[in-house]
């Protein structure tokens, strides 16, 4: 029973982590490249919003008149 389960688990991992052809591998790489930048972009958006809110609290408001 345990041996059969381990063999099935190994076969499932091999099927899910390896590709049958170069075209499948290229497609997976294209997907990873296409969507890999999203976490970085969301971090930049959060950082920009945080910087704006911090900056707004530290910069004195101007009344429009110099002097």
PDB file of N, CA and C in Angstrom:
ATOM      1  N   UNK A   1       0.834  -1.193   0.000  1.00  0.00           N
ATOM      2  CA  UNK A   1       0.000   0.000   0.000  1.00  0.00           C
ATOM      3  C   UNK A   1       0.874   1.251   0.000  1.00  0.00           C
ATOM      4  N   UNK A   2       1.828   1.350   0.905  1.00  0.00           N
ATOM      5  CA  UNK A   2       2.681   2.529   0.993  1.00  0.00           C
ATOM      6  C   UNK A   2       3.545   2.670  -0.252  1.00  0.00           C
ATOM      7  N   UNK A   3       4.073   1.577  -0.733  1.00  0.00           N
ATOM      8  CA  UNK A   3       4.902   1.610  -1.931  1.00  0.00           C
ATOM      9  C   UNK A   3       4.090   2.070  -3.130  1.00  0.00           C
ATOM     10  N   UNK A   4       2.892   1.576  -3.248  1.00  0.00           N
ATOM     11  CA  UNK A   4       2.026   1.970  -4.354  1.00  0.00           C
ATOM     12  C   UNK A   4       1.706   3.470  -4.285  1.00  0.00           C
ATOM     13  N   UNK A   5       1.447   3.954  -3.094  1.00  0.00           N
ATOM     14  CA  UNK A   5       1.146   5.367  -2.918  1.00  0.00           C
ATOM     15  C   UNK A   5       2.352   6.234  -3.272  1.00  0.00           C
ATOM     16  N   UNK A   6       3.534   5.817  -2.841  1.00  0.00           N
ATOM     17  CA  UNK A   6       4.741   6.574  -3.153  1.00  0.00           C
ATOM     18  C   UNK A   6       5.034   6.575  -4.649  1.00  0.00           C
ATOM     19  N   UNK A   7       4.792   5.460  -5.310  1.00  0.00           N
ATOM     20  CA  UNK A   7       5.005   5.397  -6.762  1.00  0.00           C
ATOM     21  C   UNK A   7       4.022   6.311  -7.478  1.00  0.00           C
ATOM     22  N   UNK A   8       2.776   6.297  -7.039  1.00  0.00           N
ATOM     23  CA  UNK A   8       1.783   7.180  -7.664  1.00  0.00           C
ATOM     24  C   UNK A   8       2.130   8.645  -7.434  1.00  0.00           C
ATOM     25  N   UNK A   9       2.612   8.962  -6.235  1.00  0.00           N
ATOM     26  CA  UNK A   9       3.014  10.333  -5.931  1.00  0.00           C
ATOM     27  C   UNK A   9       4.204  10.752  -6.790  1.00  0.00           C
ATOM     28  N   UNK A  10       5.190   9.869  -6.927  1.00  0.00           N
ATOM     29  CA  UNK A  10       6.349  10.160  -7.762  1.00  0.00           C
ATOM     30  C   UNK A  10       5.934  10.373  -9.219  1.00  0.00           C
ATOM     31  N   UNK A  11       5.070   9.507  -9.727  1.00  0.00           N
ATOM     32  CA  UNK A  11       4.606   9.645 -11.114  1.00  0.00           C
ATOM     33  C   UNK A  11       3.842  10.950 -11.320  1.00  0.00           C
ATOM     34  N   UNK A  12       3.023  11.321 -10.343  1.00  0.00           N
ATOM     35  CA  UNK A  12       2.271  12.569 -10.455  1.00  0.00           C
ATOM     36  C   UNK A  12       3.216  13.763 -10.474  1.00  0.00           C
ATOM     37  N   UNK A  13       4.225  13.748  -9.597  1.00  0.00           N
ATOM     38  CA  UNK A  13       5.190  14.847  -9.570  1.00  0.00           C
ATOM     39  C   UNK A  13       5.960  14.935 -10.887  1.00  0.00           C
ATOM     40  N   UNK A  14       6.384  13.801 -11.405  1.00  0.00           N
ATOM     41  CA  UNK A  14       7.104  13.819 -12.679  1.00  0.00           C
ATOM     42  C   UNK A  14       6.232  14.355 -13.811  1.00  0.00           C
ATOM     43  N   UNK A  15       4.964  13.958 -13.826  1.00  0.00           N
ATOM     44  CA  UNK A  15       4.061  14.439 -14.876  1.00  0.00           C
ATOM     45  C   UNK A  15       3.789  15.930 -14.745  1.00  0.00           C
ATOM     46  N   UNK A  16       3.718  16.431 -13.527  1.00  0.00           N
ATOM     47  CA  UNK A  16       3.385  17.844 -13.351  1.00  0.00           C
ATOM     48  C   UNK A  16       4.602  18.752 -13.446  1.00  0.00           C
ATOM     49  N   UNK A  17       5.803  18.228 -13.222  1.00  0.00           N
ATOM     50  CA  UNK A  17       6.993  19.075 -13.222  1.00  0.00           C
ATOM     51  C   UNK A  17       7.877  18.909 -14.449  1.00  0.00           C
ATOM     52  N   UNK A  18       7.555  17.979 -15.306  1.00  0.00           N
ATOM     53  CA  UNK A  18       8.326  17.795 -16.536  1.00  0.00           C
ATOM     54  C   UNK A  18       7.403  17.971 -17.735  1.00  0.00           C
ATOM     55  N   UNK A  19       7.990  18.216 -18.877  1.00  0.00           N
ATOM     56  CA  UNK A  19       7.207  18.479 -20.077  1.00  0.00           C
ATOM     57  C   UNK A  19       7.522  17.433 -21.131  1.00  0.00           C
ATOM     58  N   UNK A  20       6.499  17.091 -21.919  1.00  0.00           N
ATOM     59  CA  UNK A  20       6.665  16.060 -22.936  1.00  0.00           C
ATOM     60  C   UNK A  20       7.433  16.561 -24.144  1.00  0.00           C
ATOM     61  N   UNK A  21       7.326  17.829 -24.441  1.00  0.00           N
ATOM     62  CA  UNK A  21       7.968  18.341 -25.655  1.00  0.00           C
ATOM     63  C   UNK A  21       8.598  19.704 -25.376  1.00  0.00           C
ATOM     64  N   UNK A  22       9.417  20.132 -26.309  1.00  0.00           N
ATOM     65  CA  UNK A  22      10.029  21.453 -26.182  1.00  0.00           C
ATOM     66  C   UNK A  22       8.991  22.559 -26.301  1.00  0.00           C
ATOM     67  N   UNK A  23       7.937  22.312 -27.077  1.00  0.00           N
ATOM     68  CA  UNK A  23       6.879  23.315 -27.234  1.00  0.00           C
ATOM     69  C   UNK A  23       6.163  23.547 -25.899  1.00  0.00           C
ATOM     70  N   UNK A  24       5.903  22.461 -25.157  1.00  0.00           N
ATOM     71  CA  UNK A  24       5.265  22.611 -23.847  1.00  0.00           C
ATOM     72  C   UNK A  24       6.169  23.378 -22.888  1.00  0.00           C
ATOM     73  N   UNK A  25       7.457  23.064 -22.917  1.00  0.00           N
ATOM     74  CA  UNK A  25       8.404  23.753 -22.045  1.00  0.00           C
ATOM     75  C   UNK A  25       8.500  25.232 -22.415  1.00  0.00           C
ATOM     76  N   UNK A  26       8.502  25.536 -23.698  1.00  0.00           N
ATOM     77  CA  UNK A  26       8.562  26.928 -24.139  1.00  0.00           C
ATOM     78  C   UNK A  26       7.298  27.683 -23.731  1.00  0.00           C
ATOM     79  N   UNK A  27       6.158  27.020 -23.812  1.00  0.00           N
ATOM     80  CA  UNK A  27       4.910  27.652 -23.395  1.00  0.00           C
ATOM     81  C   UNK A  27       4.898  27.956 -21.907  1.00  0.00           C
ATOM     82  N   UNK A  28       5.418  27.034 -21.112  1.00  0.00           N
ATOM     83  CA  UNK A  28       5.484  27.268 -19.668  1.00  0.00           C
ATOM     84  C   UNK A  28       6.434  28.414 -19.345  1.00  0.00           C
ATOM     85  N   UNK A  29       7.550  28.492 -20.057  1.00  0.00           N
ATOM     86  CA  UNK A  29       8.498  29.579 -19.829  1.00  0.00           C
ATOM     87  C   UNK A  29       7.885  30.920 -20.241  1.00  0.00           C
ATOM     88  N   UNK A  30       7.127  30.922 -21.318  1.00  0.00           N
ATOM     89  CA  UNK A  30       6.475  32.161 -21.756  1.00  0.00           C
ATOM     90  C   UNK A  30       5.461  32.626 -20.716  1.00  0.00           C
ATOM     91  N   UNK A  31       4.712  31.697 -20.133  1.00  0.00           N
ATOM     92  CA  UNK A  31       3.754  32.068 -19.088  1.00  0.00           C
ATOM     93  C   UNK A  31       4.459  32.625 -17.865  1.00  0.00           C
ATOM     94  N   UNK A  32       5.554  31.990 -17.470  1.00  0.00           N
ATOM     95  CA  UNK A  32       6.299  32.471 -16.305  1.00  0.00           C
ATOM     96  C   UNK A  32       6.862  33.863 -16.563  1.00  0.00           C
ATOM     97  N   UNK A  33       7.338  34.095 -17.771  1.00  0.00           N
ATOM     98  CA  UNK A  33       7.883  35.404 -18.125  1.00  0.00           C
ATOM     99  C   UNK A  33       6.773  36.445 -18.216  1.00  0.00           C
ATOM    100  N   UNK A  34       5.659  36.028 -18.769  1.00  0.00           N
ATOM    101  CA  UNK A  34       4.545  36.956 -18.978  1.00  0.00           C
ATOM    102  C   UNK A  34       3.968  37.441 -17.648  1.00  0.00           C
ATOM    103  N   UNK A  35       3.826  36.558 -16.671  1.00  0.00           N
ATOM    104  CA  UNK A  35       3.160  36.923 -15.429  1.00  0.00           C
ATOM    105  C   UNK A  35       4.125  37.102 -14.262  1.00  0.00           C
ATOM    106  N   UNK A  36       5.402  36.903 -14.472  1.00  0.00           N
ATOM    107  CA  UNK A  36       6.368  36.988 -13.387  1.00  0.00           C
ATOM    108  C   UNK A  36       6.582  38.382 -12.850  1.00  0.00           C
ATOM    109  N   UNK A  37       6.257  39.408 -13.606  1.00  0.00           N
ATOM    110  CA  UNK A  37       6.493  40.782 -13.177  1.00  0.00           C
ATOM    111  C   UNK A  37       5.379  41.312 -12.283  1.00  0.00           C
ATOM    112  N   UNK A  38       4.258  40.629 -12.175  1.00  0.00           N
ATOM    113  CA  UNK A  38       3.126  41.157 -11.415  1.00  0.00           C
ATOM    114  C   UNK A  38       3.432  41.402  -9.933  1.00  0.00           C
ATOM    115  N   UNK A  39       4.087  40.489  -9.222  1.00  0.00           N
ATOM    116  CA  UNK A  39       4.375  40.798  -7.811  1.00  0.00           C
ATOM    117  C   UNK A  39       5.251  42.036  -7.647  1.00  0.00           C
ATOM    118  N   UNK A  40       6.225  42.217  -8.525  1.00  0.00           N
ATOM    119  CA  UNK A  40       7.076  43.402  -8.429  1.00  0.00           C
ATOM    120  C   UNK A  40       6.272  44.670  -8.684  1.00  0.00           C
ATOM    121  N   UNK A  41       5.381  44.626  -9.645  1.00  0.00           N
ATOM    122  CA  UNK A  41       4.568  45.798  -9.947  1.00  0.00           C
ATOM    123  C   UNK A  41       3.665  46.150  -8.775  1.00  0.00           C
ATOM    124  N   UNK A  42       3.076  45.167  -8.131  1.00  0.00           N
ATOM    125  CA  UNK A  42       2.202  45.471  -7.000  1.00  0.00           C
ATOM    126  C   UNK A  42       3.012  46.065  -5.850  1.00  0.00           C
ATOM    127  N   UNK A  43       4.263  45.607  -5.661  1.00  0.00           N
ATOM    128  CA  UNK A  43       5.113  46.181  -4.626  1.00  0.00           C
ATOM    129  C   UNK A  43       5.456  47.621  -4.912  1.00  0.00           C
ATOM    130  N   UNK A  44       5.691  47.938  -6.174  1.00  0.00           N
ATOM    131  CA  UNK A  44       5.985  49.319  -6.563  1.00  0.00           C
ATOM    132  C   UNK A  44       4.756  50.199  -6.333  1.00  0.00           C
ATOM    133  N   UNK A  45       3.592  49.699  -6.654  1.00  0.00           N
ATOM    134  CA  UNK A  45       2.366  50.469  -6.448  1.00  0.00           C
ATOM    135  C   UNK A  45       2.140  50.751  -4.972  1.00  0.00           C
ATOM    136  N   UNK A  46       2.360  49.760  -4.137  1.00  0.00           N
ATOM    137  CA  UNK A  46       2.177  49.952  -2.700  1.00  0.00           C
ATOM    138  C   UNK A  46       3.212  50.944  -2.162  1.00  0.00           C
ATOM    139  N   UNK A  47       4.455  50.807  -2.620  1.00  0.00           N
ATOM    140  CA  UNK A  47       5.506  51.722  -2.182  1.00  0.00           C
ATOM    141  C   UNK A  47       5.235  53.151  -2.607  1.00  0.00           C
ATOM    142  N   UNK A  48       4.727  53.330  -3.818  1.00  0.00           N
ATOM    143  CA  UNK A  48       4.419  54.677  -4.303  1.00  0.00           C
ATOM    144  C   UNK A  48       3.291  55.306  -3.485  1.00  0.00           C
ATOM    145  N   UNK A  49       2.277  54.534  -3.176  1.00  0.00           N
ATOM    146  CA  UNK A  49       1.167  55.053  -2.373  1.00  0.00           C
ATOM    147  C   UNK A  49       1.645  55.417  -0.973  1.00  0.00           C
ATOM    148  N   UNK A  50       2.507  54.582  -0.410  1.00  0.00           N
ATOM    149  CA  UNK A  50       3.050  54.864   0.929  1.00  0.00           C
ATOM    150  C   UNK A  50       3.909  56.129   0.904  1.00  0.00           C
ATOM    151  N   UNK A  51       4.736  56.277  -0.123  1.00  0.00           N
ATOM    152  CA  UNK A  51       5.588  57.464  -0.236  1.00  0.00           C
ATOM    153  C   UNK A  51       4.747  58.728  -0.381  1.00  0.00           C
ATOM    154  N   UNK A  52       3.678  58.662  -1.182  1.00  0.00           N
ATOM    155  CA  UNK A  52       2.807  59.831  -1.347  1.00  0.00           C
ATOM    156  C   UNK A  52       2.168  60.225  -0.019  1.00  0.00           C
ATOM    157  N   UNK A  53       1.691  59.234   0.720  1.00  0.00           N
ATOM    158  CA  UNK A  53       1.023  59.565   1.983  1.00  0.00           C
ATOM    159  C   UNK A  53       2.019  60.110   3.007  1.00  0.00           C
ATOM    160  N   UNK A  54       3.223  59.580   3.059  1.00  0.00           N
ATOM    161  CA  UNK A  54       4.239  60.092   3.971  1.00  0.00           C
ATOM    162  C   UNK A  54       4.679  61.496   3.567  1.00  0.00           C
ATOM    163  N   UNK A  55       4.839  61.716   2.278  1.00  0.00           N
ATOM    164  CA  UNK A  55       5.268  63.013   1.780  1.00  0.00           C
ATOM    165  C   UNK A  55       4.204  64.073   2.039  1.00  0.00           C
ATOM    166  N   UNK A  56       2.952  63.698   1.872  1.00  0.00           N
ATOM    167  CA  UNK A  56       1.859  64.655   2.087  1.00  0.00           C
ATOM    168  C   UNK A  56       1.818  65.116   3.534  1.00  0.00           C
ATOM    169  N   UNK A  57       2.207  64.265   4.447  1.00  0.00           N
ATOM    170  CA  UNK A  57       2.182  64.648   5.856  1.00  0.00           C
ATOM    171  C   UNK A  57       3.378  65.486   6.291  1.00  0.00           C
ATOM    172  N   UNK A  58       4.454  65.517   5.524  1.00  0.00           N
ATOM    173  CA  UNK A  58       5.649  66.236   5.950  1.00  0.00           C
ATOM    174  C   UNK A  58       5.862  67.551   5.211  1.00  0.00           C
ATOM    175  N   UNK A  59       5.218  67.747   4.087  1.00  0.00           N
ATOM    176  CA  UNK A  59       5.412  68.958   3.301  1.00  0.00           C
ATOM    177  C   UNK A  59       4.388  70.011   3.763  1.00  0.00           C
ATOM    178  N   UNK A  60       4.872  71.200   4.148  1.00  0.00           N
ATOM    179  CA  UNK A  60       3.914  72.240   4.554  1.00  0.00           C
ATOM    180  C   UNK A  60       3.132  72.742   3.347  1.00  0.00           C
ATOM    181  N   UNK A  61       1.892  73.055   3.600  1.00  0.00           N
ATOM    182  CA  UNK A  61       1.057  73.574   2.510  1.00  0.00           C
ATOM    183  C   UNK A  61       1.417  75.025   2.229  1.00  0.00           C
ATOM    184  N   UNK A  62       1.395  75.386   0.971  1.00  0.00           N
ATOM    185  CA  UNK A  62       1.691  76.777   0.598  1.00  0.00           C
ATOM    186  C   UNK A  62       0.376  77.494   0.351  1.00  0.00           C
ATOM    187  N   UNK A  63       0.376  78.745   0.724  1.00  0.00           N
ATOM    188  CA  UNK A  63      -0.830  79.544   0.575  1.00  0.00           C
ATOM    189  C   UNK A  63      -0.932  80.216  -0.782  1.00  0.00           C
ATOM    190  N   UNK A  64       0.082  80.034  -1.608  1.00  0.00           N
ATOM    191  CA  UNK A  64       0.042  80.660  -2.915  1.00  0.00           C
ATOM    192  C   UNK A  64       0.779  81.989  -2.954  1.00  0.00           C
ATOM    193  N   UNK A  65       1.101  82.538  -1.810  1.00  0.00           N
ATOM    194  CA  UNK A  65       1.810  83.819  -1.756  1.00  0.00           C
ATOM    195  C   UNK A  65       3.204  83.583  -1.200  1.00  0.00           C
ATOM    196  N   UNK A  66       4.191  84.102  -1.864  1.00  0.00           N
ATOM    197  CA  UNK A  66       5.568  83.937  -1.349  1.00  0.00           C
ATOM    198  C   UNK A  66       5.836  85.025  -0.329  1.00  0.00           C
ATOM    199  N   UNK A  67       6.750  84.740   0.564  1.00  0.00           N
ATOM    200  CA  UNK A  67       7.097  85.820   1.455  1.00  0.00           C
ATOM    201  C   UNK A  67       7.197  85.391   2.814  1.00  0.00           C
TER     202      UNK A  67
END
